[in-house]
Amino acid sequence: MTKKLVSVIIPCFNAETWIEEAIESCLNQTYSNIEIVVIDDGSTDKSLDIIKKYKDKIVWETGVNKGANHARNRGLALSQGDFIQLLDADDFLLLEKIERQIKVLEETCADVIYGDVYYQIHLSNGEVKLSPVDLLGATGFHEDYLETVLCYGCMPCQAYLIRKSAINCEEGWDENLKAGQNRDFILSILIDGATIVYQPGYYSVYRKNHSNKTITSNKTLLAYYFALVSMKAEKKLNMHKKPSKKYLRAIANSYLIRANRDRKQITFLCYIWLVFLFVISHMKLSLIQEV
């Protein structure tokens, strides 16, 4: 029986140090039927030269810099696979990632699967360490994963493998978001009704503490976009007529959890704004409960 095609989408901007390892990690997968789609987002370093070395083994495209979300949307448009694997250019997959996850997806008929992820931590002294990604509230198995992502957030994008049929390709990634885009993307899929399963085990690596991840080091910016994504999710829940108290409470609590977790790393104004959103959201929730 022919194996179903998996498309790996890799947006790339100035990742000359890492892009080769990202591509090689896909080529070396134990699952054989893989299409690698690399979108160069106007890199000014040697990334494109490295990408071109693989021109006979990958699908690739380059253009002016429009941001990672635009590059992901272009990759999605070019992809031919039945399943979509997301991967940033500075991260990589471990050898059995796709084979193991595709097996569980086909056994369970779920739309999305996620697993555990390693941090690869680059220290200032040049030392490199592996450490499990342990995100408050978001790691491991959860009975209601939509509630979890609404309240706490999601795993790095490479943790997931997704049936393309579960993705609204017209929506794709929100190109107005500079952070929080993976949470927004996963929330959109889940609110649209996708089913998701968890598979224990570490099958991918997220690099941490290096210069390419400047946005994720700005906690105020992250908190701002986290809140915007929460508000967008609430709007979509209302459109889908799914505004259950459980989900609205998860959104309300997400503001306070973020404010308290990052209190020392965000501006005072941002902290007050998050607390304000928490209070307003709980007031709306109490009004719903009184009806």
C-alpha atoms as a PDB file:
ATOM      1  CA  MET A   1       0.000   0.000   0.000  1.00  0.00           C
ATOM      2  CA  THR A   2       1.322   3.444  -0.951  1.00  0.00           C
ATOM      3  CA  LYS A   3       2.246   5.596   1.998  1.00  0.00           C
ATOM      4  CA  LYS A   4       0.443   8.903   2.244  1.00  0.00           C
ATOM      5  CA  LEU A   5       2.486  11.998   1.442  1.00  0.00           C
ATOM      6  CA  VAL A   6       3.650  14.272   4.259  1.00  0.00           C
ATOM      7  CA  SER A   7       4.562  17.870   3.389  1.00  0.00           C
ATOM      8  CA  VAL A   8       7.080  19.554   5.694  1.00  0.00           C
ATOM      9  CA  ILE A   9       6.768  23.346   5.503  1.00  0.00           C
ATOM     10  CA  ILE A  10       9.890  25.321   6.446  1.00  0.00           C
ATOM     11  CA  PRO A  11       9.841  29.144   6.379  1.00  0.00           C
ATOM     12  CA  CYS A  12      13.367  30.543   6.281  1.00  0.00           C
ATOM     13  CA  PHE A  13      14.770  33.997   6.933  1.00  0.00           C
ATOM     14  CA  ASN A  14      18.501  34.502   7.553  1.00  0.00           C
ATOM     15  CA  ALA A  15      18.987  31.030   9.020  1.00  0.00           C
ATOM     16  CA  GLU A  16      22.250  30.121   7.278  1.00  0.00           C
ATOM     17  CA  THR A  17      23.583  28.544  10.477  1.00  0.00           C
ATOM     18  CA  TRP A  18      20.633  26.189  10.894  1.00  0.00           C
ATOM     19  CA  ILE A  19      18.712  25.612   7.652  1.00  0.00           C
ATOM     20  CA  GLU A  20      20.885  22.753   6.414  1.00  0.00           C
ATOM     21  CA  GLU A  21      20.320  20.735   9.581  1.00  0.00           C
ATOM     22  CA  ALA A  22      16.579  21.418   9.384  1.00  0.00           C
ATOM     23  CA  ILE A  23      16.404  20.110   5.809  1.00  0.00           C
ATOM     24  CA  GLU A  24      18.644  17.123   6.540  1.00  0.00           C
ATOM     25  CA  SER A  25      16.470  16.171   9.516  1.00  0.00           C
ATOM     26  CA  CYS A  26      13.554  15.843   7.079  1.00  0.00           C
ATOM     27  CA  LEU A  27      15.512  13.971   4.405  1.00  0.00           C
ATOM     28  CA  ASN A  28      16.731  11.484   7.019  1.00  0.00           C
ATOM     29  CA  GLN A  29      13.285  10.603   8.387  1.00  0.00           C
ATOM     30  CA  THR A  30      12.529   6.885   8.636  1.00  0.00           C
ATOM     31  CA  TYR A  31       9.199   7.667   6.918  1.00  0.00           C
ATOM     32  CA  SER A  32       9.982   7.786   3.214  1.00  0.00           C
ATOM     33  CA  ASN A  33       7.125   9.581   1.442  1.00  0.00           C
ATOM     34  CA  ILE A  34       7.987  13.166   2.367  1.00  0.00           C
ATOM     35  CA  GLU A  35       7.801  16.423   0.449  1.00  0.00           C
ATOM     36  CA  ILE A  36       9.945  19.258   1.834  1.00  0.00           C
ATOM     37  CA  VAL A  37       8.695  22.761   1.019  1.00  0.00           C
ATOM     38  CA  VAL A  38      11.143  25.547   1.888  1.00  0.00           C
ATOM     39  CA  ILE A  39      10.073  29.172   1.488  1.00  0.00           C
ATOM     40  CA  ASP A  40      12.925  31.678   1.658  1.00  0.00           C
ATOM     41  CA  ASP A  41      11.509  34.942   2.989  1.00  0.00           C
ATOM     42  CA  GLY A  42      13.993  37.312   1.360  1.00  0.00           C
ATOM     43  CA  SER A  43      17.079  36.203   3.296  1.00  0.00           C
ATOM     44  CA  THR A  44      20.112  38.497   3.067  1.00  0.00           C
ATOM     45  CA  ASP A  45      22.634  35.923   4.306  1.00  0.00           C
ATOM     46  CA  LYS A  46      23.670  32.650   2.623  1.00  0.00           C
ATOM     47  CA  SER A  47      20.420  30.795   3.405  1.00  0.00           C
ATOM     48  CA  LEU A  48      19.224  30.793  -0.200  1.00  0.00           C
ATOM     49  CA  ASP A  49      22.553  29.409  -1.466  1.00  0.00           C
ATOM     50  CA  ILE A  50      22.212  26.520   0.980  1.00  0.00           C
ATOM     51  CA  ILE A  51      18.579  25.914  -0.017  1.00  0.00           C
ATOM     52  CA  LYS A  52      19.533  25.784  -3.694  1.00  0.00           C
ATOM     53  CA  LYS A  53      21.975  22.942  -2.976  1.00  0.00           C
ATOM     54  CA  TYR A  54      18.896  20.781  -2.315  1.00  0.00           C
ATOM     55  CA  LYS A  55      16.938  21.916  -5.395  1.00  0.00           C
ATOM     56  CA  ASP A  56      16.523  18.341  -6.694  1.00  0.00           C
ATOM     57  CA  LYS A  57      15.307  17.068  -3.314  1.00  0.00           C
ATOM     58  CA  ILE A  58      12.940  19.804  -2.169  1.00  0.00           C
ATOM     59  CA  VAL A  59      10.307  22.241  -3.377  1.00  0.00           C
ATOM     60  CA  TRP A  60      11.518  25.778  -2.813  1.00  0.00           C
ATOM     61  CA  GLU A  61      10.591  29.370  -3.504  1.00  0.00           C
ATOM     62  CA  THR A  62      12.081  32.746  -2.681  1.00  0.00           C
ATOM     63  CA  GLY A  63      10.694  36.276  -2.651  1.00  0.00           C
ATOM     64  CA  VAL A  64      10.765  39.590  -0.845  1.00  0.00           C
ATOM     65  CA  ASN A  65      10.560  39.592   2.931  1.00  0.00           C
ATOM     66  CA  LYS A  66       6.905  39.444   4.030  1.00  0.00           C
ATOM     67  CA  GLY A  67       7.234  37.610   7.321  1.00  0.00           C
ATOM     68  CA  ALA A  68       7.188  33.996   8.506  1.00  0.00           C
ATOM     69  CA  ASN A  69       3.396  33.679   8.371  1.00  0.00           C
ATOM     70  CA  HIS A  70       3.298  34.697   4.724  1.00  0.00           C
ATOM     71  CA  ALA A  71       6.038  32.136   4.039  1.00  0.00           C
ATOM     72  CA  ARG A  72       4.033  29.434   5.845  1.00  0.00           C
ATOM     73  CA  ASN A  73       0.954  30.288   3.802  1.00  0.00           C
ATOM     74  CA  ARG A  74       2.967  30.056   0.584  1.00  0.00           C
ATOM     75  CA  GLY A  75       4.305  26.687   1.722  1.00  0.00           C
ATOM     76  CA  LEU A  76       0.789  25.487   2.482  1.00  0.00           C
ATOM     77  CA  ALA A  77      -0.382  26.616  -0.967  1.00  0.00           C
ATOM     78  CA  LEU A  78       2.462  24.743  -2.681  1.00  0.00           C
ATOM     79  CA  SER A  79       2.186  21.588  -0.559  1.00  0.00           C
ATOM     80  CA  GLN A  80       0.732  18.415  -2.074  1.00  0.00           C
ATOM     81  CA  GLY A  81       0.712  16.241   1.038  1.00  0.00           C
ATOM     82  CA  ASP A  82      -2.149  14.597   2.908  1.00  0.00           C
ATOM     83  CA  PHE A  83      -0.463  15.646   6.155  1.00  0.00           C
ATOM     84  CA  ILE A  84       1.336  18.841   7.144  1.00  0.00           C
ATOM     85  CA  GLN A  85       4.431  18.910   9.335  1.00  0.00           C
ATOM     86  CA  LEU A  86       5.495  22.368  10.520  1.00  0.00           C
ATOM     87  CA  LEU A  87       9.156  23.182  11.122  1.00  0.00           C
ATOM     88  CA  ASP A  88      11.015  26.448  11.636  1.00  0.00           C
ATOM     89  CA  ALA A  89      14.359  26.806   9.853  1.00  0.00           C
ATOM     90  CA  ASP A  90      16.342  26.946  13.094  1.00  0.00           C
ATOM     91  CA  ASP A  91      14.836  23.769  14.575  1.00  0.00           C
ATOM     92  CA  PHE A  92      14.919  20.110  13.534  1.00  0.00           C
ATOM     93  CA  LEU A  93      13.096  16.781  13.665  1.00  0.00           C
ATOM     94  CA  LEU A  94      14.404  13.588  15.202  1.00  0.00           C
ATOM     95  CA  LEU A  95      14.595  10.564  12.906  1.00  0.00           C
ATOM     96  CA  GLU A  96      11.354   8.722  13.734  1.00  0.00           C
ATOM     97  CA  LYS A  97       9.113  11.737  14.291  1.00  0.00           C
ATOM     98  CA  ILE A  98       6.896  11.460  11.253  1.00  0.00           C
ATOM     99  CA  GLU A  99       6.790   7.647  11.084  1.00  0.00           C
ATOM    100  CA  ARG A 100       5.656   7.304  14.689  1.00  0.00           C
ATOM    101  CA  GLN A 101       3.079  10.070  14.531  1.00  0.00           C
ATOM    102  CA  ILE A 102       1.588   9.067  11.184  1.00  0.00           C
ATOM    103  CA  LYS A 103       1.041   5.567  12.585  1.00  0.00           C
ATOM    104  CA  VAL A 104      -0.990   6.896  15.523  1.00  0.00           C
ATOM    105  CA  LEU A 105      -2.975   9.293  13.328  1.00  0.00           C
ATOM    106  CA  GLU A 106      -4.005   6.475  11.006  1.00  0.00           C
ATOM    107  CA  GLU A 107      -4.841   4.154  13.916  1.00  0.00           C
ATOM    108  CA  THR A 108      -6.977   6.742  15.715  1.00  0.00           C
ATOM    109  CA  CYS A 109      -8.339   8.667  12.682  1.00  0.00           C
ATOM    110  CA  ALA A 110      -7.570  11.872  14.582  1.00  0.00           C
ATOM    111  CA  ASP A 111      -6.900  15.093  12.687  1.00  0.00           C
ATOM    112  CA  VAL A 112      -3.930  16.295  14.728  1.00  0.00           C
ATOM    113  CA  ILE A 113      -1.268  14.655  16.846  1.00  0.00           C
ATOM    114  CA  TYR A 114       1.287  16.267  19.140  1.00  0.00           C
ATOM    115  CA  GLY A 115       4.202  14.961  21.146  1.00  0.00           C
ATOM    116  CA  ASP A 116       6.954  16.190  23.428  1.00  0.00           C
ATOM    117  CA  VAL A 117       9.792  18.494  22.361  1.00  0.00           C
ATOM    118  CA  TYR A 118      13.353  19.044  23.507  1.00  0.00           C
ATOM    119  CA  TYR A 119      14.874  22.467  24.013  1.00  0.00           C
ATOM    120  CA  GLN A 120      18.381  22.691  22.605  1.00  0.00           C
ATOM    121  CA  ILE A 121      19.821  25.446  24.769  1.00  0.00           C
ATOM    122  CA  HIS A 122      22.736  27.475  23.421  1.00  0.00           C
ATOM    123  CA  LEU A 123      24.646  28.970  26.346  1.00  0.00           C
ATOM    124  CA  SER A 124      26.808  32.087  26.135  1.00  0.00           C
ATOM    125  CA  ASN A 125      29.963  30.011  26.700  1.00  0.00           C
ATOM    126  CA  GLY A 126      29.233  27.970  23.570  1.00  0.00           C
ATOM    127  CA  GLU A 127      27.940  24.949  25.471  1.00  0.00           C
ATOM    128  CA  VAL A 128      24.820  23.208  24.123  1.00  0.00           C
ATOM    129  CA  LYS A 129      22.351  21.323  26.328  1.00  0.00           C
ATOM    130  CA  LEU A 130      19.152  19.342  25.722  1.00  0.00           C
ATOM    131  CA  SER A 131      16.264  19.878  28.106  1.00  0.00           C
ATOM    132  CA  PRO A 132      12.584  18.852  27.914  1.00  0.00           C
ATOM    133  CA  VAL A 133      10.178  21.627  26.950  1.00  0.00           C
ATOM    134  CA  ASP A 134       8.039  22.094  30.064  1.00  0.00           C
ATOM    135  CA  LEU A 135       5.484  24.839  29.393  1.00  0.00           C
ATOM    136  CA  LEU A 136       3.184  25.761  32.259  1.00  0.00           C
ATOM    137  CA  GLY A 137      -0.071  23.864  31.774  1.00  0.00           C
ATOM    138  CA  ALA A 138       0.575  23.000  28.109  1.00  0.00           C
ATOM    139  CA  THR A 139       2.854  19.957  28.285  1.00  0.00           C
ATOM    140  CA  GLY A 140       1.682  16.355  28.102  1.00  0.00           C
ATOM    141  CA  PHE A 141      -1.806  14.839  27.884  1.00  0.00           C
ATOM    142  CA  HIS A 142      -4.939  16.937  28.410  1.00  0.00           C
ATOM    143  CA  GLU A 143      -8.544  15.758  28.392  1.00  0.00           C
ATOM    144  CA  ASP A 144      -9.726  18.895  26.581  1.00  0.00           C
ATOM    145  CA  TYR A 145      -6.835  20.272  24.552  1.00  0.00           C
ATOM    146  CA  LEU A 146      -8.807  23.270  23.287  1.00  0.00           C
ATOM    147  CA  GLU A 147      -9.344  24.408  26.874  1.00  0.00           C
ATOM    148  CA  THR A 148      -5.627  23.926  27.535  1.00  0.00           C
ATOM    149  CA  VAL A 149      -4.476  26.008  24.557  1.00  0.00           C
ATOM    150  CA  LEU A 150      -6.979  28.742  25.377  1.00  0.00           C
ATOM    151  CA  CYS A 151      -5.717  28.993  28.936  1.00  0.00           C
ATOM    152  CA  TYR A 152      -1.990  28.244  28.728  1.00  0.00           C
ATOM    153  CA  GLY A 153      -0.787  28.139  25.126  1.00  0.00           C
ATOM    154  CA  CYS A 154       0.565  25.380  22.917  1.00  0.00           C
ATOM    155  CA  MET A 155       3.722  23.441  22.174  1.00  0.00           C
ATOM    156  CA  PRO A 156       6.270  24.597  19.543  1.00  0.00           C
ATOM    157  CA  CYS A 157       4.976  24.097  16.003  1.00  0.00           C
ATOM    158  CA  GLN A 158       7.131  21.047  15.205  1.00  0.00           C
ATOM    159  CA  ALA A 159       5.377  19.065  17.967  1.00  0.00           C
ATOM    160  CA  TYR A 160       2.328  18.709  15.701  1.00  0.00           C
ATOM    161  CA  LEU A 161       1.441  16.663  12.635  1.00  0.00           C
ATOM    162  CA  ILE A 162      -1.827  17.713  10.990  1.00  0.00           C
ATOM    163  CA  ARG A 163      -4.151  16.333   8.344  1.00  0.00           C
ATOM    164  CA  LYS A 164      -4.318  18.919   5.595  1.00  0.00           C
ATOM    165  CA  SER A 165      -8.074  18.348   5.381  1.00  0.00           C
ATOM    166  CA  ALA A 166      -8.384  19.802   8.906  1.00  0.00           C
ATOM    167  CA  ILE A 167      -6.771  23.106   7.868  1.00  0.00           C
ATOM    168  CA  ASN A 168      -8.800  25.984   6.511  1.00  0.00           C
ATOM    169  CA  CYS A 169      -6.333  26.902   3.774  1.00  0.00           C
ATOM    170  CA  GLU A 170      -8.113  30.197   3.106  1.00  0.00           C
ATOM    171  CA  GLU A 171      -7.373  31.293   6.682  1.00  0.00           C
ATOM    172  CA  GLY A 172      -3.980  29.671   7.165  1.00  0.00           C
ATOM    173  CA  TRP A 173      -1.643  31.691   9.356  1.00  0.00           C
ATOM    174  CA  ASP A 174      -2.656  35.223  10.350  1.00  0.00           C
ATOM    175  CA  GLU A 175      -0.084  37.436   8.628  1.00  0.00           C
ATOM    176  CA  ASN A 176      -0.852  40.341  10.978  1.00  0.00           C
ATOM    177  CA  LEU A 177       0.552  38.475  13.987  1.00  0.00           C
ATOM    178  CA  LYS A 178       4.219  38.944  14.865  1.00  0.00           C
ATOM    179  CA  ALA A 179       4.050  36.448  17.748  1.00  0.00           C
ATOM    180  CA  GLY A 180       1.589  33.848  19.015  1.00  0.00           C
ATOM    181  CA  GLN A 181       0.917  32.623  15.470  1.00  0.00           C
ATOM    182  CA  ASN A 182       1.277  28.930  16.259  1.00  0.00           C
ATOM    183  CA  ARG A 183      -1.217  29.140  19.127  1.00  0.00           C
ATOM    184  CA  ASP A 184      -3.584  31.072  16.868  1.00  0.00           C
ATOM    185  CA  PHE A 185      -3.219  28.447  14.119  1.00  0.00           C
ATOM    186  CA  ILE A 186      -3.818  25.485  16.460  1.00  0.00           C
ATOM    187  CA  LEU A 187      -6.785  27.238  18.109  1.00  0.00           C
ATOM    188  CA  SER A 188      -8.355  27.899  14.718  1.00  0.00           C
ATOM    189  CA  ILE A 189      -8.108  24.229  13.764  1.00  0.00           C
ATOM    190  CA  LEU A 190      -9.506  23.011  17.089  1.00  0.00           C
ATOM    191  CA  ILE A 191     -12.385  25.514  17.154  1.00  0.00           C
ATOM    192  CA  ASP A 192     -13.273  24.373  13.632  1.00  0.00           C
ATOM    193  CA  GLY A 193     -13.770  20.903  15.111  1.00  0.00           C
ATOM    194  CA  ALA A 194     -10.505  19.013  14.557  1.00  0.00           C
ATOM    195  CA  THR A 195      -9.795  16.061  16.850  1.00  0.00           C
ATOM    196  CA  ILE A 196      -6.388  15.801  18.507  1.00  0.00           C
ATOM    197  CA  VAL A 197      -4.403  13.067  20.257  1.00  0.00           C
ATOM    198  CA  TYR A 198      -1.226  13.083  22.333  1.00  0.00           C
ATOM    199  CA  GLN A 199       1.681  10.703  21.798  1.00  0.00           C
ATOM    200  CA  PRO A 200       4.274  10.591  24.592  1.00  0.00           C
ATOM    201  CA  GLY A 201       7.879  10.811  23.451  1.00  0.00           C
ATOM    202  CA  TYR A 202      10.434  13.368  22.281  1.00  0.00           C
ATOM    203  CA  TYR A 203      10.607  13.577  18.483  1.00  0.00           C
ATOM    204  CA  SER A 204      11.737  17.134  17.691  1.00  0.00           C
ATOM    205  CA  VAL A 205      14.060  19.891  18.901  1.00  0.00           C
ATOM    206  CA  TYR A 206      13.448  23.599  19.460  1.00  0.00           C
ATOM    207  CA  ARG A 207      16.541  25.756  19.648  1.00  0.00           C
ATOM    208  CA  LYS A 208      16.499  28.276  22.466  1.00  0.00           C
ATOM    209  CA  ASN A 209      18.600  31.314  23.383  1.00  0.00           C
ATOM    210  CA  HIS A 210      20.162  32.261  20.092  1.00  0.00           C
ATOM    211  CA  SER A 211      19.946  35.428  18.003  1.00  0.00           C
ATOM    212  CA  ASN A 212      17.284  34.234  15.506  1.00  0.00           C
ATOM    213  CA  LYS A 213      14.623  34.141  18.214  1.00  0.00           C
ATOM    214  CA  THR A 214      14.670  37.851  19.119  1.00  0.00           C
ATOM    215  CA  ILE A 215      10.867  38.197  19.103  1.00  0.00           C
ATOM    216  CA  THR A 216      10.393  35.379  21.617  1.00  0.00           C
ATOM    217  CA  SER A 217      12.786  37.126  24.020  1.00  0.00           C
ATOM    218  CA  ASN A 218      10.521  40.213  24.202  1.00  0.00           C
ATOM    219  CA  LYS A 219       8.072  39.217  26.928  1.00  0.00           C
ATOM    220  CA  THR A 220       5.928  42.356  26.606  1.00  0.00           C
ATOM    221  CA  LEU A 221       5.449  41.750  22.890  1.00  0.00           C
ATOM    222  CA  LEU A 222       4.677  38.086  23.528  1.00  0.00           C
ATOM    223  CA  ALA A 223       2.123  38.956  26.220  1.00  0.00           C
ATOM    224  CA  TYR A 224       0.470  41.509  23.926  1.00  0.00           C
ATOM    225  CA  TYR A 225       0.041  39.051  21.061  1.00  0.00           C
ATOM    226  CA  PHE A 226      -0.962  36.252  23.446  1.00  0.00           C
ATOM    227  CA  ALA A 227      -3.867  38.446  24.576  1.00  0.00           C
ATOM    228  CA  LEU A 228      -4.780  39.383  20.995  1.00  0.00           C
ATOM    229  CA  VAL A 229      -4.918  35.704  20.055  1.00  0.00           C
ATOM    230  CA  SER A 230      -7.135  35.003  23.093  1.00  0.00           C
ATOM    231  CA  MET A 231      -9.545  37.756  22.024  1.00  0.00           C
ATOM    232  CA  LYS A 232      -9.554  36.464  18.466  1.00  0.00           C
ATOM    233  CA  ALA A 233     -10.312  32.938  19.733  1.00  0.00           C
ATOM    234  CA  GLU A 234     -13.237  34.218  21.809  1.00  0.00           C
ATOM    235  CA  LYS A 235     -14.665  35.909  18.726  1.00  0.00           C
ATOM    236  CA  LYS A 236     -14.304  32.712  16.697  1.00  0.00           C
ATOM    237  CA  LEU A 237     -15.939  30.642  19.455  1.00  0.00           C
ATOM    238  CA  ASN A 238     -18.905  33.006  19.360  1.00  0.00           C
ATOM    239  CA  MET A 239     -19.101  32.722  15.561  1.00  0.00           C
ATOM    240  CA  HIS A 240     -19.118  28.919  15.888  1.00  0.00           C
ATOM    241  CA  LYS A 241     -21.646  29.138  18.725  1.00  0.00           C
ATOM    242  CA  LYS A 242     -19.236  27.366  21.048  1.00  0.00           C
ATOM    243  CA  PRO A 243     -18.826  29.992  23.808  1.00  0.00           C
ATOM    244  CA  SER A 244     -19.180  27.512  26.684  1.00  0.00           C
ATOM    245  CA  LYS A 245     -18.457  28.790  30.185  1.00  0.00           C
ATOM    246  CA  LYS A 246     -15.515  26.407  30.375  1.00  0.00           C
ATOM    247  CA  TYR A 247     -13.818  27.961  27.354  1.00  0.00           C
ATOM    248  CA  LEU A 248     -14.668  31.544  28.305  1.00  0.00           C
ATOM    249  CA  ARG A 249     -13.266  30.913  31.783  1.00  0.00           C
ATOM    250  CA  ALA A 250     -10.091  29.485  30.245  1.00  0.00           C
ATOM    251  CA  ILE A 251      -9.670  32.659  28.160  1.00  0.00           C
ATOM    252  CA  ALA A 252     -10.290  34.890  31.180  1.00  0.00           C
ATOM    253  CA  ASN A 253      -7.781  32.986  33.298  1.00  0.00           C
ATOM    254  CA  SER A 254      -5.203  33.098  30.497  1.00  0.00           C
ATOM    255  CA  TYR A 255      -4.795  36.863  30.985  1.00  0.00           C
ATOM    256  CA  LEU A 256      -4.074  36.593  34.699  1.00  0.00           C
ATOM    257  CA  ILE A 257      -1.803  33.572  34.317  1.00  0.00           C
ATOM    258  CA  ARG A 258       0.256  35.444  31.715  1.00  0.00           C
ATOM    259  CA  ALA A 259       0.369  38.611  33.830  1.00  0.00           C
ATOM    260  CA  ASN A 260       1.566  36.786  36.945  1.00  0.00           C
ATOM    261  CA  ARG A 261       4.015  34.513  35.131  1.00  0.00           C
ATOM    262  CA  ASP A 262       5.783  37.346  33.304  1.00  0.00           C
ATOM    263  CA  ARG A 263       5.219  40.138  35.826  1.00  0.00           C
ATOM    264  CA  LYS A 264       8.922  40.904  36.265  1.00  0.00           C
ATOM    265  CA  GLN A 265       9.635  40.767  32.514  1.00  0.00           C
ATOM    266  CA  ILE A 266       6.814  42.869  31.058  1.00  0.00           C
ATOM    267  CA  THR A 267       6.100  46.575  31.350  1.00  0.00           C
ATOM    268  CA  PHE A 268       3.842  47.766  34.163  1.00  0.00           C
ATOM    269  CA  LEU A 269       1.345  49.066  31.590  1.00  0.00           C
ATOM    270  CA  CYS A 270       1.172  45.627  29.951  1.00  0.00           C
ATOM    271  CA  TYR A 271       0.666  43.982  33.339  1.00  0.00           C
ATOM    272  CA  ILE A 272      -2.230  46.345  34.189  1.00  0.00           C
ATOM    273  CA  TRP A 273      -3.791  45.741  30.762  1.00  0.00           C
ATOM    274  CA  LEU A 274      -3.720  41.950  31.239  1.00  0.00           C
ATOM    275  CA  VAL A 275      -5.270  42.232  34.712  1.00  0.00           C
ATOM    276  CA  PHE A 276      -7.939  44.550  33.275  1.00  0.00           C
ATOM    277  CA  LEU A 277      -8.757  41.974  30.572  1.00  0.00           C
ATOM    278  CA  PHE A 278      -9.017  39.292  33.257  1.00  0.00           C
ATOM    279  CA  VAL A 279     -11.446  41.379  35.325  1.00  0.00           C
ATOM    280  CA  ILE A 280     -13.602  42.354  32.332  1.00  0.00           C
ATOM    281  CA  SER A 281     -13.698  38.754  31.073  1.00  0.00           C
ATOM    282  CA  HIS A 282     -14.808  37.434  34.452  1.00  0.00           C
ATOM    283  CA  MET A 283     -17.476  40.143  34.682  1.00  0.00           C
ATOM    284  CA  LYS A 284     -18.835  39.025  31.304  1.00  0.00           C
ATOM    285  CA  LEU A 285     -18.682  35.423  32.487  1.00  0.00           C
ATOM    286  CA  SER A 286     -20.657  36.224  35.633  1.00  0.00           C
ATOM    287  CA  LEU A 287     -23.332  37.948  33.540  1.00  0.00           C
ATOM    288  CA  ILE A 288     -23.661  34.846  31.385  1.00  0.00           C
ATOM    289  CA  GLN A 289     -24.026  32.722  34.510  1.00  0.00           C
ATOM    290  CA  GLU A 290     -26.829  34.944  35.798  1.00  0.00           C
ATOM    291  CA  VAL A 291     -28.913  34.564  32.616  1.00  0.00           C
END
